[in-house]
Amino acid sequence: MIGRRIKDARVKAGLTQTELAKVIDVTPQSVQQWESGESQPRRQRMRAIAKALNTTVQNLEFDSPVAMSEDDY
């Protein structure tokens, strides 16, 4: 589940939902909805989330850790 992986990566990064929301320019409610599975972020937003959480879109979508490059964000 993407929401669970976003939450795990956010917690690992030491960010609150509000802090992540500010970094990626969304509301804290959006972050909460993604993490709870009520909705999913769009692809462009996934790139911003991945970059903010120092991970890759692939890891957030499929739980597949890989070496990061600029193209992965």
C-alpha atoms as a PDB file:
ATOM      1  CA  MET A   1       0.000   0.000   0.000  1.00  0.00           C
ATOM      2  CA  ILE A   2       1.456   3.325  -1.088  1.00  0.00           C
ATOM      3  CA  GLY A   3       0.038   5.150   1.925  1.00  0.00           C
ATOM      4  CA  ARG A   4       1.792   2.878   4.383  1.00  0.00           C
ATOM      5  CA  ARG A   5       5.107   3.269   2.561  1.00  0.00           C
ATOM      6  CA  ILE A   6       4.722   7.067   2.507  1.00  0.00           C
ATOM      7  CA  LYS A   7       4.076   7.028   6.240  1.00  0.00           C
ATOM      8  CA  ASP A   8       7.012   4.718   6.955  1.00  0.00           C
ATOM      9  CA  ALA A   9       9.361   6.882   4.875  1.00  0.00           C
ATOM     10  CA  ARG A  10       8.028  10.070   6.510  1.00  0.00           C
ATOM     11  CA  VAL A  11       8.551   8.712  10.008  1.00  0.00           C
ATOM     12  CA  LYS A  12      12.029   7.466   9.058  1.00  0.00           C
ATOM     13  CA  ALA A  13      12.815  10.981   7.770  1.00  0.00           C
ATOM     14  CA  GLY A  14      11.681  12.427  11.102  1.00  0.00           C
ATOM     15  CA  LEU A  15       8.899  14.541   9.617  1.00  0.00           C
ATOM     16  CA  THR A  16       5.355  15.119  10.808  1.00  0.00           C
ATOM     17  CA  GLN A  17       2.474  15.097   8.348  1.00  0.00           C
ATOM     18  CA  THR A  18       2.366  18.890   8.618  1.00  0.00           C
ATOM     19  CA  GLU A  19       6.084  19.246   7.928  1.00  0.00           C
ATOM     20  CA  LEU A  20       5.909  16.990   4.872  1.00  0.00           C
ATOM     21  CA  ALA A  21       2.864  18.894   3.635  1.00  0.00           C
ATOM     22  CA  LYS A  22       4.750  22.195   3.841  1.00  0.00           C
ATOM     23  CA  VAL A  23       7.758  20.813   1.976  1.00  0.00           C
ATOM     24  CA  ILE A  24       5.656  19.514  -0.932  1.00  0.00           C
ATOM     25  CA  ASP A  25       3.100  22.352  -0.868  1.00  0.00           C
ATOM     26  CA  VAL A  26      -0.067  20.453   0.011  1.00  0.00           C
ATOM     27  CA  THR A  27      -2.378  20.467   2.997  1.00  0.00           C
ATOM     28  CA  PRO A  28      -1.720  18.208   5.998  1.00  0.00           C
ATOM     29  CA  GLN A  29      -5.117  16.677   5.241  1.00  0.00           C
ATOM     30  CA  SER A  30      -3.812  15.493   1.866  1.00  0.00           C
ATOM     31  CA  VAL A  31      -0.907  13.712   3.541  1.00  0.00           C
ATOM     32  CA  GLN A  32      -3.293  12.147   6.057  1.00  0.00           C
ATOM     33  CA  GLN A  33      -5.586  10.946   3.261  1.00  0.00           C
ATOM     34  CA  TRP A  34      -2.695   9.365   1.363  1.00  0.00           C
ATOM     35  CA  GLU A  35      -1.380   7.626   4.456  1.00  0.00           C
ATOM     36  CA  SER A  36      -4.809   6.311   5.424  1.00  0.00           C
ATOM     37  CA  GLY A  37      -5.490   5.046   1.900  1.00  0.00           C
ATOM     38  CA  GLU A  38      -8.433   7.391   1.303  1.00  0.00           C
ATOM     39  CA  SER A  39      -6.698   8.772  -1.776  1.00  0.00           C
ATOM     40  CA  GLN A  40      -3.428   8.478  -3.668  1.00  0.00           C
ATOM     41  CA  PRO A  41      -1.096  11.223  -4.807  1.00  0.00           C
ATOM     42  CA  ARG A  42      -0.709  11.875  -8.519  1.00  0.00           C
ATOM     43  CA  ARG A  43       2.514  10.913 -10.280  1.00  0.00           C
ATOM     44  CA  GLN A  44       3.988  14.439 -10.230  1.00  0.00           C
ATOM     45  CA  ARG A  45       3.266  14.703  -6.516  1.00  0.00           C
ATOM     46  CA  MET A  46       4.864  11.298  -5.941  1.00  0.00           C
ATOM     47  CA  ARG A  47       8.118  12.694  -7.299  1.00  0.00           C
ATOM     48  CA  ALA A  48       7.998  15.562  -4.793  1.00  0.00           C
ATOM     49  CA  ILE A  49       7.170  13.168  -1.949  1.00  0.00           C
ATOM     50  CA  ALA A  50      10.019  10.846  -2.883  1.00  0.00           C
ATOM     51  CA  LYS A  51      12.488  13.716  -3.062  1.00  0.00           C
ATOM     52  CA  ALA A  52      11.334  15.151   0.276  1.00  0.00           C
ATOM     53  CA  LEU A  53      11.659  11.730   1.918  1.00  0.00           C
ATOM     54  CA  ASN A  54      14.993  10.889   0.285  1.00  0.00           C
ATOM     55  CA  THR A  55      13.656   7.826  -1.489  1.00  0.00           C
ATOM     56  CA  THR A  56      12.422   6.902  -4.948  1.00  0.00           C
ATOM     57  CA  VAL A  57       8.988   6.816  -6.519  1.00  0.00           C
ATOM     58  CA  GLN A  58       9.616   3.147  -7.266  1.00  0.00           C
ATOM     59  CA  ASN A  59      10.271   2.430  -3.596  1.00  0.00           C
ATOM     60  CA  LEU A  60       7.081   4.219  -2.541  1.00  0.00           C
ATOM     61  CA  GLU A  61       4.985   2.458  -5.169  1.00  0.00           C
ATOM     62  CA  PHE A  62       6.420  -1.036  -5.007  1.00  0.00           C
ATOM     63  CA  ASP A  63       8.597  -1.187  -1.893  1.00  0.00           C
ATOM     64  CA  SER A  64      11.596  -1.836  -4.122  1.00  0.00           C
ATOM     65  CA  PRO A  65      14.645  -0.051  -2.772  1.00  0.00           C
ATOM     66  CA  VAL A  66      17.079   0.900  -5.506  1.00  0.00           C
ATOM     67  CA  ALA A  67      19.954   3.304  -5.813  1.00  0.00           C
ATOM     68  CA  MET A  68      18.607   6.795  -6.335  1.00  0.00           C
ATOM     69  CA  SER A  69      19.350   9.069  -9.228  1.00  0.00           C
ATOM     70  CA  GLU A  70      17.793  12.381 -10.229  1.00  0.00           C
ATOM     71  CA  ASP A  71      15.509  10.525 -12.651  1.00  0.00           C
ATOM     72  CA  ASP A  72      13.982   8.534  -9.800  1.00  0.00           C
ATOM     73  CA  TYR A  73      12.450  11.535  -8.044  1.00  0.00           C
END
